[in-house]
Each structure stands twice: as C-alpha cells, then as structure tokens.
Amino acid sequence: MTPEQEKAIRRRKMHEDRVAGWFGIFEILFPGAQRPGDPYISNVDPRVPMRAVHDFIELVELEGPSRIVAMIAHPLFGEVHPENIRLLLGELLEDALPTVLEELRREQQDLGESRARLRPAL
C-alpha cells in the first residue's frame, strides 16, 4: 500500500455500510481492477482461495530463499557480501523453508478437515 492509498483509505466515509466500505477500499488498493461480484469469501468457489494459496506457496518456494538472503545480507554485511556468508544464509533458508511450508500445509489441511466436520450434513 502506498502512502497515498493509506491516506485515501483513512479519508473515506466512515458511515458507509460494510459492503460499500469494502468496495471503496478495494477500488483504492486496486485502481482499475475488475471488482468482484461480492466481497464475502463464503460466496466464492472454495477452490479459488486454495489455488491462490497454492500459487503463493510455489512462488515462495521458488524465489523466497534468494530474496530473503538478499534482504538479510545487505543490512548485515553492507555492499561487500562475503560469498561464504551469503551461501550459508541461502542454505539455511533452503533447509528451513520447506519445513515451514509443510507445517503451514498441514495446519491448512487440519483446518479444512475441522470445518468439514462442523458443516451440517445435507
């Protein structure tokens, strides 16, 4: 979010109903984007959010370690990046990231199973 978007969100009408308020924020954050038909996730095909989560996880697995190493290395080591330290940070992240993602997948699966048990049988 840009500082201008944050200001626009803070300046918007506070007495709008929730749906109008949600769409107002959406239009500020995503100018020119096609508005969804409904702001409530309960009205969305449940596969859509899961696909987005899956795509995000794939992106993090592919690009996460190198981007995080670059972000960590610069403040720690300045412009001079000792290659052995960068390699070590990269190896640590490559080892840790799959474990973290697997834990998130497991928690997401457990949550889905819990929700399925709570749904009334039709």
N, C-alpha and C. Protein backbone atom coordinates (compact mmCIF):
# COMPACT_ATOMS: atom_id res chain seq x y z
N MET A 1 0.85 -1.16 0.00
CA MET A 1 0.00 0.00 0.00
C MET A 1 0.90 1.23 0.00
N THR A 2 0.57 2.15 -0.86
CA THR A 2 1.35 3.39 -0.93
C THR A 2 0.87 4.35 0.16
N PRO A 3 1.70 5.33 0.50
CA PRO A 3 1.23 6.34 1.47
C PRO A 3 -0.03 7.07 1.01
N GLU A 4 -0.15 7.31 -0.31
CA GLU A 4 -1.33 7.99 -0.84
C GLU A 4 -2.57 7.12 -0.66
N GLN A 5 -2.42 5.80 -0.90
CA GLN A 5 -3.56 4.90 -0.71
C GLN A 5 -3.98 4.85 0.76
N GLU A 6 -3.00 4.83 1.65
CA GLU A 6 -3.32 4.81 3.07
C GLU A 6 -4.10 6.06 3.45
N LYS A 7 -3.67 7.22 2.95
CA LYS A 7 -4.39 8.47 3.25
C LYS A 7 -5.81 8.42 2.70
N ALA A 8 -5.96 7.89 1.47
CA ALA A 8 -7.29 7.81 0.86
C ALA A 8 -8.20 6.90 1.67
N ILE A 9 -7.67 5.81 2.17
CA ILE A 9 -8.47 4.89 2.98
C ILE A 9 -8.89 5.56 4.27
N ARG A 10 -7.99 6.29 4.88
CA ARG A 10 -8.31 6.97 6.14
C ARG A 10 -9.33 8.09 5.94
N ARG A 11 -9.35 8.70 4.74
CA ARG A 11 -10.25 9.82 4.47
C ARG A 11 -11.63 9.38 4.02
N ARG A 12 -11.82 8.12 3.71
CA ARG A 12 -13.11 7.69 3.15
C ARG A 12 -14.23 7.84 4.18
N LYS A 13 -15.46 7.75 3.70
CA LYS A 13 -16.64 7.89 4.57
C LYS A 13 -16.69 6.73 5.55
N MET A 14 -16.87 7.06 6.81
CA MET A 14 -16.90 6.04 7.85
C MET A 14 -18.31 5.52 8.10
N HIS A 15 -19.34 6.16 7.55
CA HIS A 15 -20.72 5.75 7.83
C HIS A 15 -21.30 4.91 6.70
N GLU A 16 -20.45 4.40 5.83
CA GLU A 16 -20.92 3.53 4.76
C GLU A 16 -21.29 2.17 5.33
N ASP A 17 -22.17 1.46 4.61
CA ASP A 17 -22.42 0.09 5.05
C ASP A 17 -21.17 -0.74 4.73
N ARG A 18 -21.07 -1.90 5.30
CA ARG A 18 -19.85 -2.71 5.21
C ARG A 18 -19.49 -3.06 3.77
N VAL A 19 -20.48 -3.42 2.97
CA VAL A 19 -20.20 -3.81 1.58
C VAL A 19 -19.67 -2.60 0.80
N ALA A 20 -20.32 -1.46 0.93
CA ALA A 20 -19.86 -0.26 0.23
C ALA A 20 -18.46 0.13 0.70
N GLY A 21 -18.21 0.01 2.00
CA GLY A 21 -16.89 0.32 2.54
C GLY A 21 -15.82 -0.61 1.99
N TRP A 22 -16.15 -1.88 1.90
CA TRP A 22 -15.19 -2.86 1.38
C TRP A 22 -14.85 -2.55 -0.07
N PHE A 23 -15.89 -2.28 -0.89
CA PHE A 23 -15.65 -1.96 -2.29
C PHE A 23 -14.87 -0.65 -2.43
N GLY A 24 -15.13 0.31 -1.54
CA GLY A 24 -14.37 1.57 -1.58
C GLY A 24 -12.89 1.33 -1.34
N ILE A 25 -12.56 0.49 -0.35
CA ILE A 25 -11.16 0.17 -0.07
C ILE A 25 -10.56 -0.61 -1.24
N PHE A 26 -11.33 -1.56 -1.79
CA PHE A 26 -10.85 -2.35 -2.93
C PHE A 26 -10.45 -1.42 -4.09
N GLU A 27 -11.30 -0.46 -4.39
CA GLU A 27 -11.03 0.45 -5.51
C GLU A 27 -9.81 1.34 -5.25
N ILE A 28 -9.56 1.66 -4.00
CA ILE A 28 -8.38 2.45 -3.65
C ILE A 28 -7.12 1.60 -3.83
N LEU A 29 -7.17 0.36 -3.34
CA LEU A 29 -5.99 -0.50 -3.39
C LEU A 29 -5.72 -1.08 -4.77
N PHE A 30 -6.78 -1.29 -5.55
CA PHE A 30 -6.63 -1.91 -6.87
C PHE A 30 -7.31 -1.05 -7.93
N PRO A 31 -6.79 0.16 -8.18
CA PRO A 31 -7.44 1.07 -9.13
C PRO A 31 -7.48 0.44 -10.53
N GLY A 32 -8.66 0.49 -11.12
CA GLY A 32 -8.83 -0.03 -12.47
C GLY A 32 -9.06 -1.53 -12.55
N ALA A 33 -8.95 -2.24 -11.42
CA ALA A 33 -9.16 -3.68 -11.43
C ALA A 33 -10.66 -3.99 -11.46
N GLN A 34 -11.00 -5.12 -12.06
CA GLN A 34 -12.39 -5.53 -12.08
C GLN A 34 -12.84 -5.88 -10.66
N ARG A 35 -13.96 -5.30 -10.27
CA ARG A 35 -14.49 -5.56 -8.92
C ARG A 35 -15.07 -6.96 -8.86
N PRO A 36 -14.85 -7.66 -7.75
CA PRO A 36 -15.53 -8.94 -7.58
C PRO A 36 -17.03 -8.69 -7.41
N GLY A 37 -17.82 -9.70 -7.67
CA GLY A 37 -19.26 -9.54 -7.55
C GLY A 37 -19.71 -9.39 -6.11
N ASP A 38 -18.94 -9.93 -5.19
CA ASP A 38 -19.35 -9.96 -3.79
C ASP A 38 -18.10 -9.94 -2.92
N PRO A 39 -18.09 -9.15 -1.85
CA PRO A 39 -16.89 -9.09 -1.01
C PRO A 39 -16.75 -10.27 -0.04
N TYR A 40 -17.76 -11.11 0.05
CA TYR A 40 -17.72 -12.19 1.04
C TYR A 40 -17.15 -13.47 0.45
N ILE A 41 -16.15 -14.01 1.11
CA ILE A 41 -15.49 -15.22 0.61
C ILE A 41 -16.44 -16.42 0.62
N SER A 42 -17.45 -16.39 1.46
CA SER A 42 -18.39 -17.51 1.51
C SER A 42 -19.15 -17.66 0.20
N ASN A 43 -19.15 -16.62 -0.63
CA ASN A 43 -19.84 -16.67 -1.91
C ASN A 43 -18.90 -16.99 -3.06
N VAL A 44 -17.70 -17.44 -2.74
CA VAL A 44 -16.69 -17.75 -3.76
C VAL A 44 -16.50 -19.25 -3.83
N ASP A 45 -16.22 -19.74 -5.01
CA ASP A 45 -15.90 -21.16 -5.16
C ASP A 45 -14.73 -21.45 -4.23
N PRO A 46 -14.83 -22.43 -3.32
CA PRO A 46 -13.78 -22.68 -2.33
C PRO A 46 -12.44 -23.05 -2.95
N ARG A 47 -12.43 -23.46 -4.21
CA ARG A 47 -11.16 -23.81 -4.85
C ARG A 47 -10.35 -22.57 -5.22
N VAL A 48 -11.02 -21.43 -5.38
CA VAL A 48 -10.33 -20.20 -5.79
C VAL A 48 -9.31 -19.76 -4.74
N PRO A 49 -9.71 -19.59 -3.45
CA PRO A 49 -8.70 -19.18 -2.46
C PRO A 49 -7.61 -20.23 -2.29
N MET A 50 -7.95 -21.51 -2.36
CA MET A 50 -6.95 -22.56 -2.20
C MET A 50 -5.94 -22.52 -3.34
N ARG A 51 -6.40 -22.20 -4.56
CA ARG A 51 -5.49 -22.08 -5.71
C ARG A 51 -4.54 -20.90 -5.49
N ALA A 52 -5.06 -19.80 -4.96
CA ALA A 52 -4.22 -18.64 -4.70
C ALA A 52 -3.17 -18.96 -3.65
N VAL A 53 -3.55 -19.68 -2.60
CA VAL A 53 -2.59 -20.07 -1.57
C VAL A 53 -1.54 -20.99 -2.17
N HIS A 54 -1.97 -21.95 -2.98
CA HIS A 54 -1.03 -22.87 -3.62
C HIS A 54 -0.04 -22.11 -4.51
N ASP A 55 -0.54 -21.18 -5.31
CA ASP A 55 0.34 -20.39 -6.18
C ASP A 55 1.33 -19.57 -5.37
N PHE A 56 0.87 -19.00 -4.25
CA PHE A 56 1.75 -18.22 -3.40
C PHE A 56 2.85 -19.10 -2.82
N ILE A 57 2.49 -20.28 -2.35
CA ILE A 57 3.48 -21.19 -1.78
C ILE A 57 4.51 -21.58 -2.83
N GLU A 58 4.08 -21.85 -4.05
CA GLU A 58 5.03 -22.17 -5.12
C GLU A 58 6.00 -21.02 -5.36
N LEU A 59 5.47 -19.79 -5.38
CA LEU A 59 6.33 -18.62 -5.59
C LEU A 59 7.34 -18.49 -4.46
N VAL A 60 6.89 -18.66 -3.22
CA VAL A 60 7.80 -18.55 -2.07
C VAL A 60 8.86 -19.64 -2.13
N GLU A 61 8.46 -20.85 -2.51
CA GLU A 61 9.44 -21.93 -2.59
C GLU A 61 10.50 -21.64 -3.66
N LEU A 62 10.07 -21.06 -4.79
CA LEU A 62 11.00 -20.80 -5.89
C LEU A 62 11.90 -19.59 -5.64
N GLU A 63 11.31 -18.50 -5.16
CA GLU A 63 12.05 -17.24 -5.09
C GLU A 63 12.34 -16.76 -3.68
N GLY A 64 11.65 -17.33 -2.70
CA GLY A 64 11.79 -16.87 -1.33
C GLY A 64 13.21 -16.85 -0.80
N PRO A 65 13.91 -17.99 -0.85
CA PRO A 65 15.25 -18.01 -0.25
C PRO A 65 16.20 -16.96 -0.82
N SER A 66 16.25 -16.82 -2.14
CA SER A 66 17.20 -15.86 -2.71
C SER A 66 16.82 -14.42 -2.36
N ARG A 67 15.53 -14.12 -2.33
CA ARG A 67 15.11 -12.76 -1.98
C ARG A 67 15.37 -12.46 -0.52
N ILE A 68 15.11 -13.43 0.35
CA ILE A 68 15.35 -13.21 1.77
C ILE A 68 16.84 -13.06 2.05
N VAL A 69 17.66 -13.89 1.41
CA VAL A 69 19.11 -13.77 1.59
C VAL A 69 19.57 -12.37 1.18
N ALA A 70 19.09 -11.89 0.05
CA ALA A 70 19.49 -10.56 -0.41
C ALA A 70 19.06 -9.48 0.60
N MET A 71 17.86 -9.63 1.15
CA MET A 71 17.36 -8.64 2.11
C MET A 71 18.13 -8.69 3.42
N ILE A 72 18.52 -9.87 3.86
CA ILE A 72 19.26 -10.02 5.11
C ILE A 72 20.71 -9.61 4.93
N ALA A 73 21.30 -10.03 3.83
CA ALA A 73 22.73 -9.81 3.63
C ALA A 73 23.09 -8.33 3.56
N HIS A 74 22.29 -7.53 2.90
CA HIS A 74 22.65 -6.12 2.73
C HIS A 74 22.79 -5.39 4.06
N PRO A 75 21.77 -5.42 4.96
CA PRO A 75 21.96 -4.70 6.23
C PRO A 75 23.04 -5.31 7.12
N LEU A 76 23.22 -6.60 7.03
CA LEU A 76 24.22 -7.24 7.89
C LEU A 76 25.65 -7.01 7.40
N PHE A 77 25.83 -7.07 6.10
CA PHE A 77 27.19 -7.07 5.55
C PHE A 77 27.48 -5.89 4.65
N GLY A 78 26.50 -5.01 4.42
CA GLY A 78 26.73 -3.85 3.56
C GLY A 78 26.89 -4.27 2.12
N GLU A 79 27.52 -3.42 1.36
CA GLU A 79 27.71 -3.68 -0.07
C GLU A 79 28.67 -4.82 -0.33
N VAL A 80 29.56 -5.07 0.59
CA VAL A 80 30.51 -6.17 0.43
C VAL A 80 29.84 -7.42 1.00
N HIS A 81 29.50 -8.35 0.14
CA HIS A 81 28.82 -9.57 0.56
C HIS A 81 29.80 -10.73 0.54
N PRO A 82 30.31 -11.11 1.70
CA PRO A 82 31.18 -12.29 1.71
C PRO A 82 30.40 -13.49 1.17
N GLU A 83 30.89 -14.06 0.09
CA GLU A 83 30.15 -15.12 -0.58
C GLU A 83 29.87 -16.31 0.33
N ASN A 84 30.81 -16.65 1.19
CA ASN A 84 30.56 -17.80 2.06
C ASN A 84 29.39 -17.54 3.02
N ILE A 85 29.21 -16.29 3.48
CA ILE A 85 28.10 -15.97 4.38
C ILE A 85 26.79 -15.99 3.61
N ARG A 86 26.79 -15.45 2.40
CA ARG A 86 25.58 -15.50 1.58
C ARG A 86 25.18 -16.94 1.28
N LEU A 87 26.17 -17.77 0.99
CA LEU A 87 25.87 -19.18 0.72
C LEU A 87 25.30 -19.87 1.96
N LEU A 88 25.87 -19.57 3.12
CA LEU A 88 25.40 -20.16 4.36
C LEU A 88 23.95 -19.74 4.65
N LEU A 89 23.67 -18.45 4.51
CA LEU A 89 22.29 -17.98 4.71
C LEU A 89 21.34 -18.66 3.73
N GLY A 90 21.77 -18.78 2.49
CA GLY A 90 20.94 -19.44 1.48
C GLY A 90 20.66 -20.88 1.83
N GLU A 91 21.68 -21.59 2.28
CA GLU A 91 21.50 -22.99 2.66
C GLU A 91 20.55 -23.12 3.85
N LEU A 92 20.71 -22.24 4.83
CA LEU A 92 19.82 -22.28 6.00
C LEU A 92 18.37 -22.06 5.59
N LEU A 93 18.15 -21.08 4.74
CA LEU A 93 16.78 -20.81 4.31
C LEU A 93 16.23 -21.94 3.45
N GLU A 94 17.04 -22.48 2.58
CA GLU A 94 16.58 -23.58 1.74
C GLU A 94 16.23 -24.80 2.58
N ASP A 95 16.95 -25.00 3.67
CA ASP A 95 16.64 -26.11 4.57
C ASP A 95 15.38 -25.84 5.39
N ALA A 96 15.23 -24.61 5.86
CA ALA A 96 14.13 -24.29 6.77
C ALA A 96 12.80 -24.05 6.05
N LEU A 97 12.84 -23.44 4.89
CA LEU A 97 11.61 -23.05 4.22
C LEU A 97 10.69 -24.23 3.91
N PRO A 98 11.17 -25.34 3.37
CA PRO A 98 10.26 -26.46 3.12
C PRO A 98 9.58 -26.97 4.40
N THR A 99 10.30 -26.96 5.51
CA THR A 99 9.71 -27.40 6.77
C THR A 99 8.59 -26.46 7.19
N VAL A 100 8.83 -25.17 7.10
CA VAL A 100 7.82 -24.19 7.47
C VAL A 100 6.60 -24.33 6.56
N LEU A 101 6.82 -24.45 5.26
CA LEU A 101 5.71 -24.58 4.32
C LEU A 101 4.92 -25.87 4.56
N GLU A 102 5.60 -26.94 4.87
CA GLU A 102 4.91 -28.20 5.17
C GLU A 102 4.05 -28.06 6.42
N GLU A 103 4.56 -27.37 7.43
CA GLU A 103 3.77 -27.13 8.63
C GLU A 103 2.53 -26.30 8.31
N LEU A 104 2.69 -25.28 7.45
CA LEU A 104 1.54 -24.46 7.05
C LEU A 104 0.53 -25.28 6.28
N ARG A 105 1.01 -26.14 5.37
CA ARG A 105 0.10 -27.01 4.60
C ARG A 105 -0.68 -27.93 5.55
N ARG A 106 0.02 -28.51 6.51
CA ARG A 106 -0.62 -29.42 7.47
C ARG A 106 -1.68 -28.68 8.28
N GLU A 107 -1.35 -27.49 8.75
CA GLU A 107 -2.31 -26.70 9.51
C GLU A 107 -3.52 -26.34 8.65
N GLN A 108 -3.28 -25.98 7.39
CA GLN A 108 -4.37 -25.64 6.48
C GLN A 108 -5.25 -26.87 6.25
N GLN A 109 -4.65 -28.03 6.08
CA GLN A 109 -5.41 -29.27 5.88
C GLN A 109 -6.23 -29.58 7.13
N ASP A 110 -5.63 -29.46 8.30
CA ASP A 110 -6.34 -29.72 9.56
C ASP A 110 -7.52 -28.76 9.71
N LEU A 111 -7.31 -27.50 9.34
CA LEU A 111 -8.38 -26.51 9.43
C LEU A 111 -9.52 -26.89 8.49
N GLY A 112 -9.17 -27.30 7.26
CA GLY A 112 -10.20 -27.71 6.30
C GLY A 112 -10.98 -28.91 6.80
N GLU A 113 -10.30 -29.88 7.40
CA GLU A 113 -10.97 -31.05 7.95
C GLU A 113 -11.87 -30.66 9.12
N SER A 114 -11.41 -29.75 9.96
CA SER A 114 -12.24 -29.29 11.08
C SER A 114 -13.49 -28.60 10.59
N ARG A 115 -13.35 -27.76 9.56
CA ARG A 115 -14.51 -27.08 9.01
C ARG A 115 -15.49 -28.07 8.40
N ALA A 116 -14.96 -29.09 7.73
CA ALA A 116 -15.83 -30.09 7.12
C ALA A 116 -16.64 -30.83 8.18
N ARG A 117 -16.04 -31.11 9.33
CA ARG A 117 -16.75 -31.79 10.40
C ARG A 117 -17.83 -30.91 11.01
N LEU A 118 -17.62 -29.59 10.97
CA LEU A 118 -18.57 -28.67 11.58
C LEU A 118 -19.75 -28.36 10.67
N ARG A 119 -19.61 -28.61 9.36
CA ARG A 119 -20.71 -28.34 8.43
C ARG A 119 -21.85 -29.31 8.68
N PRO A 120 -23.07 -28.79 8.65
CA PRO A 120 -24.21 -29.69 8.84
C PRO A 120 -24.38 -30.61 7.62
N ALA A 121 -24.74 -31.83 7.88
CA ALA A 121 -24.97 -32.80 6.80
C ALA A 121 -26.26 -32.42 6.09
N LEU A 122 -26.22 -32.50 4.77
CA LEU A 122 -27.42 -32.17 3.98
C LEU A 122 -28.18 -33.40 3.64
